[in-house]
């Protein structure tokens, strides 16, 4: 078997220093060179589709009425503590809906300080997130020491 062009396989790109070619064609970063060829992508939309397919999602779990009642009791207890200006630390497993997939998303665990519980609108305000009551899978009281790494 004959290997054509074998001699150029491992060659580096030519170096142009202080000549007219280097002045007209400065070396480009790899990212900028890739932009030149982006319009020629053979499968338009393929990258977006594969990115979407790689996301791991789950269907939202419907809780039983007993589970909902247990969560409500814990939330009422937390709300009473907040009313008396006591700090409330919690671990809340909650559902975060996927913006592209209906009735699917991810479950995330929030550990930290709860700042407000709004029973009227069914929301928990904590640090930089807002959790809807309907998205809570489980909630427990926590101690500040157990939340520190």
C-alpha atoms as a PDB file:
ATOM      1  CA  UNK A   1       0.000   0.000   0.000  1.00  0.00           C
ATOM      2  CA  UNK A   2       1.355   3.354  -0.966  1.00  0.00           C
ATOM      3  CA  UNK A   3       0.954   6.256   1.492  1.00  0.00           C
ATOM      4  CA  UNK A   4       0.534   9.399  -0.528  1.00  0.00           C
ATOM      5  CA  UNK A   5       1.326  12.650   1.241  1.00  0.00           C
ATOM      6  CA  UNK A   6       2.770  10.789   4.223  1.00  0.00           C
ATOM      7  CA  UNK A   7       5.670  13.250   4.392  1.00  0.00           C
ATOM      8  CA  UNK A   8       3.341  16.206   5.083  1.00  0.00           C
ATOM      9  CA  UNK A   9       1.132  14.476   7.640  1.00  0.00           C
ATOM     10  CA  UNK A  10       2.957  15.712  10.738  1.00  0.00           C
ATOM     11  CA  UNK A  11       4.320  19.014   9.475  1.00  0.00           C
ATOM     12  CA  UNK A  12       3.689  22.246  11.343  1.00  0.00           C
ATOM     13  CA  UNK A  13       2.113  25.273   9.713  1.00  0.00           C
ATOM     14  CA  UNK A  14       4.583  27.506   7.869  1.00  0.00           C
ATOM     15  CA  UNK A  15       6.070  30.398   9.820  1.00  0.00           C
ATOM     16  CA  UNK A  16       5.935  33.817   8.215  1.00  0.00           C
ATOM     17  CA  UNK A  17       7.916  36.450  10.062  1.00  0.00           C
ATOM     18  CA  UNK A  18       8.393  39.995   8.878  1.00  0.00           C
ATOM     19  CA  UNK A  19       7.395  39.349   5.280  1.00  0.00           C
ATOM     20  CA  UNK A  20       4.571  40.688   3.135  1.00  0.00           C
ATOM     21  CA  UNK A  21       2.430  37.570   3.628  1.00  0.00           C
ATOM     22  CA  UNK A  22       2.546  37.907   7.426  1.00  0.00           C
ATOM     23  CA  UNK A  23       1.500  41.555   7.145  1.00  0.00           C
ATOM     24  CA  UNK A  24      -1.514  40.720   4.964  1.00  0.00           C
ATOM     25  CA  UNK A  25      -2.511  37.511   6.808  1.00  0.00           C
ATOM     26  CA  UNK A  26      -1.786  37.690  10.546  1.00  0.00           C
ATOM     27  CA  UNK A  27      -2.013  34.455  12.509  1.00  0.00           C
ATOM     28  CA  UNK A  28      -5.552  33.830  13.719  1.00  0.00           C
ATOM     29  CA  UNK A  29      -6.675  32.229  16.904  1.00  0.00           C
ATOM     30  CA  UNK A  30      -8.240  28.803  16.473  1.00  0.00           C
ATOM     31  CA  UNK A  31     -11.630  30.085  17.664  1.00  0.00           C
ATOM     32  CA  UNK A  32     -11.619  32.833  15.013  1.00  0.00           C
ATOM     33  CA  UNK A  33     -10.613  30.376  12.286  1.00  0.00           C
ATOM     34  CA  UNK A  34     -13.506  28.110  13.259  1.00  0.00           C
ATOM     35  CA  UNK A  35     -15.949  30.980  12.724  1.00  0.00           C
ATOM     36  CA  UNK A  36     -14.899  31.180   9.094  1.00  0.00           C
ATOM     37  CA  UNK A  37     -16.000  27.622   8.422  1.00  0.00           C
ATOM     38  CA  UNK A  38     -19.127  27.610  10.619  1.00  0.00           C
ATOM     39  CA  UNK A  39     -21.504  28.535   7.749  1.00  0.00           C
ATOM     40  CA  UNK A  40     -20.437  25.343   5.977  1.00  0.00           C
ATOM     41  CA  UNK A  41     -21.647  23.018   8.745  1.00  0.00           C
ATOM     42  CA  UNK A  42     -23.109  19.959   7.048  1.00  0.00           C
ATOM     43  CA  UNK A  43     -25.803  19.374   9.653  1.00  0.00           C
ATOM     44  CA  UNK A  44     -27.372  22.654  10.643  1.00  0.00           C
ATOM     45  CA  UNK A  45     -29.078  22.415  14.020  1.00  0.00           C
ATOM     46  CA  UNK A  46     -27.293  19.171  14.845  1.00  0.00           C
ATOM     47  CA  UNK A  47     -25.263  20.661  17.717  1.00  0.00           C
ATOM     48  CA  UNK A  48     -28.381  22.070  19.366  1.00  0.00           C
ATOM     49  CA  UNK A  49     -30.213  18.765  19.068  1.00  0.00           C
ATOM     50  CA  UNK A  50     -27.366  16.723  20.532  1.00  0.00           C
ATOM     51  CA  UNK A  51     -26.973  19.217  23.384  1.00  0.00           C
ATOM     52  CA  UNK A  52     -30.682  18.890  24.141  1.00  0.00           C
ATOM     53  CA  UNK A  53     -30.491  15.089  23.997  1.00  0.00           C
ATOM     54  CA  UNK A  54     -27.546  14.980  26.418  1.00  0.00           C
ATOM     55  CA  UNK A  55     -29.468  16.795  29.161  1.00  0.00           C
ATOM     56  CA  UNK A  56     -30.661  14.342  31.744  1.00  0.00           C
ATOM     57  CA  UNK A  57     -34.205  15.019  32.806  1.00  0.00           C
ATOM     58  CA  UNK A  58     -36.874  13.208  34.757  1.00  0.00           C
ATOM     59  CA  UNK A  59     -40.627  13.372  34.879  1.00  0.00           C
ATOM     60  CA  UNK A  60     -42.123  15.287  37.777  1.00  0.00           C
ATOM     61  CA  UNK A  61     -43.198  12.942  40.557  1.00  0.00           C
ATOM     62  CA  UNK A  62     -46.763  13.365  41.788  1.00  0.00           C
ATOM     63  CA  UNK A  63     -46.852  13.215  45.587  1.00  0.00           C
ATOM     64  CA  UNK A  64     -49.513  11.444  47.596  1.00  0.00           C
ATOM     65  CA  UNK A  65     -51.836  13.495  49.787  1.00  0.00           C
ATOM     66  CA  UNK A  66     -50.039  12.144  52.900  1.00  0.00           C
ATOM     67  CA  UNK A  67     -46.699  13.410  51.578  1.00  0.00           C
ATOM     68  CA  UNK A  68     -48.207  16.809  50.778  1.00  0.00           C
ATOM     69  CA  UNK A  69     -49.688  17.018  54.280  1.00  0.00           C
ATOM     70  CA  UNK A  70     -46.295  16.215  55.857  1.00  0.00           C
ATOM     71  CA  UNK A  71     -44.609  18.912  53.771  1.00  0.00           C
ATOM     72  CA  UNK A  72     -47.314  21.422  54.747  1.00  0.00           C
ATOM     73  CA  UNK A  73     -46.815  20.698  58.465  1.00  0.00           C
ATOM     74  CA  UNK A  74     -43.063  21.301  58.161  1.00  0.00           C
ATOM     75  CA  UNK A  75     -43.633  24.500  56.168  1.00  0.00           C
ATOM     76  CA  UNK A  76     -46.103  25.784  58.780  1.00  0.00           C
ATOM     77  CA  UNK A  77     -43.559  25.111  61.523  1.00  0.00           C
ATOM     78  CA  UNK A  78     -40.888  26.970  59.541  1.00  0.00           C
ATOM     79  CA  UNK A  79     -43.254  29.885  58.944  1.00  0.00           C
ATOM     80  CA  UNK A  80     -43.971  30.142  62.678  1.00  0.00           C
ATOM     81  CA  UNK A  81     -40.260  30.265  63.429  1.00  0.00           C
ATOM     82  CA  UNK A  82     -39.751  32.964  60.798  1.00  0.00           C
ATOM     83  CA  UNK A  83     -42.596  34.985  62.375  1.00  0.00           C
ATOM     84  CA  UNK A  84     -40.687  34.959  65.684  1.00  0.00           C
ATOM     85  CA  UNK A  85     -37.506  36.089  63.895  1.00  0.00           C
ATOM     86  CA  UNK A  86     -35.733  32.751  64.386  1.00  0.00           C
ATOM     87  CA  UNK A  87     -33.397  31.661  61.578  1.00  0.00           C
ATOM     88  CA  UNK A  88     -34.694  28.713  59.603  1.00  0.00           C
ATOM     89  CA  UNK A  89     -32.288  26.381  57.828  1.00  0.00           C
ATOM     90  CA  UNK A  90     -33.697  23.754  55.510  1.00  0.00           C
ATOM     91  CA  UNK A  91     -32.872  21.064  53.008  1.00  0.00           C
ATOM     92  CA  UNK A  92     -35.386  21.204  50.178  1.00  0.00           C
ATOM     93  CA  UNK A  93     -35.467  18.742  47.298  1.00  0.00           C
ATOM     94  CA  UNK A  94     -37.382  20.487  44.529  1.00  0.00           C
ATOM     95  CA  UNK A  95     -38.252  20.089  40.877  1.00  0.00           C
ATOM     96  CA  UNK A  96     -36.852  22.555  38.321  1.00  0.00           C
ATOM     97  CA  UNK A  97     -38.810  22.377  35.030  1.00  0.00           C
ATOM     98  CA  UNK A  98     -36.881  21.977  31.779  1.00  0.00           C
ATOM     99  CA  UNK A  99     -37.622  24.923  29.472  1.00  0.00           C
ATOM    100  CA  UNK A 100     -37.659  22.703  26.371  1.00  0.00           C
ATOM    101  CA  UNK A 101     -39.354  19.533  27.594  1.00  0.00           C
ATOM    102  CA  UNK A 102     -42.909  19.533  28.829  1.00  0.00           C
ATOM    103  CA  UNK A 103     -43.482  17.955  32.263  1.00  0.00           C
ATOM    104  CA  UNK A 104     -39.789  17.097  32.589  1.00  0.00           C
ATOM    105  CA  UNK A 105     -36.923  18.663  34.490  1.00  0.00           C
ATOM    106  CA  UNK A 106     -34.355  18.014  37.186  1.00  0.00           C
ATOM    107  CA  UNK A 107     -34.543  17.559  40.927  1.00  0.00           C
ATOM    108  CA  UNK A 108     -32.169  19.778  42.865  1.00  0.00           C
ATOM    109  CA  UNK A 109     -31.312  19.959  46.533  1.00  0.00           C
ATOM    110  CA  UNK A 110     -31.258  23.360  48.186  1.00  0.00           C
ATOM    111  CA  UNK A 111     -29.460  23.588  51.514  1.00  0.00           C
ATOM    112  CA  UNK A 112     -29.465  26.887  53.305  1.00  0.00           C
ATOM    113  CA  UNK A 113     -31.268  29.708  55.018  1.00  0.00           C
ATOM    114  CA  UNK A 114     -34.945  30.270  54.299  1.00  0.00           C
ATOM    115  CA  UNK A 115     -35.779  33.979  54.313  1.00  0.00           C
ATOM    116  CA  UNK A 116     -39.532  33.961  53.738  1.00  0.00           C
ATOM    117  CA  UNK A 117     -42.431  31.583  53.272  1.00  0.00           C
ATOM    118  CA  UNK A 118     -45.395  33.063  51.416  1.00  0.00           C
ATOM    119  CA  UNK A 119     -48.344  30.744  51.980  1.00  0.00           C
ATOM    120  CA  UNK A 120     -50.689  33.010  50.003  1.00  0.00           C
ATOM    121  CA  UNK A 121     -48.760  32.562  46.757  1.00  0.00           C
ATOM    122  CA  UNK A 122     -47.228  29.200  47.708  1.00  0.00           C
ATOM    123  CA  UNK A 123     -43.572  30.182  47.486  1.00  0.00           C
ATOM    124  CA  UNK A 124     -40.392  29.816  49.536  1.00  0.00           C
ATOM    125  CA  UNK A 125     -37.782  32.556  49.231  1.00  0.00           C
ATOM    126  CA  UNK A 126     -34.256  31.441  50.036  1.00  0.00           C
ATOM    127  CA  UNK A 127     -30.917  33.016  49.123  1.00  0.00           C
ATOM    128  CA  UNK A 128     -31.209  33.631  45.381  1.00  0.00           C
ATOM    129  CA  UNK A 129     -33.967  31.147  44.505  1.00  0.00           C
ATOM    130  CA  UNK A 130     -37.735  30.982  44.744  1.00  0.00           C
ATOM    131  CA  UNK A 131     -39.309  27.549  45.149  1.00  0.00           C
ATOM    132  CA  UNK A 132     -42.990  26.900  44.434  1.00  0.00           C
ATOM    133  CA  UNK A 133     -44.789  24.708  46.945  1.00  0.00           C
ATOM    134  CA  UNK A 134     -45.957  22.501  44.057  1.00  0.00           C
ATOM    135  CA  UNK A 135     -42.346  21.766  43.063  1.00  0.00           C
ATOM    136  CA  UNK A 136     -41.246  20.532  46.512  1.00  0.00           C
ATOM    137  CA  UNK A 137     -40.493  16.832  46.699  1.00  0.00           C
ATOM    138  CA  UNK A 138     -39.210  16.829  50.278  1.00  0.00           C
ATOM    139  CA  UNK A 139     -38.299  19.340  52.964  1.00  0.00           C
ATOM    140  CA  UNK A 140     -36.530  18.932  56.293  1.00  0.00           C
ATOM    141  CA  UNK A 141     -35.258  21.212  59.010  1.00  0.00           C
ATOM    142  CA  UNK A 142     -31.500  21.516  59.049  1.00  0.00           C
ATOM    143  CA  UNK A 143     -28.904  22.894  61.389  1.00  0.00           C
ATOM    144  CA  UNK A 144     -26.495  25.511  60.175  1.00  0.00           C
ATOM    145  CA  UNK A 145     -23.558  23.275  61.118  1.00  0.00           C
ATOM    146  CA  UNK A 146     -24.787  20.444  58.867  1.00  0.00           C
ATOM    147  CA  UNK A 147     -24.939  22.817  55.891  1.00  0.00           C
ATOM    148  CA  UNK A 148     -21.331  23.995  56.167  1.00  0.00           C
ATOM    149  CA  UNK A 149     -18.886  22.011  53.974  1.00  0.00           C
END
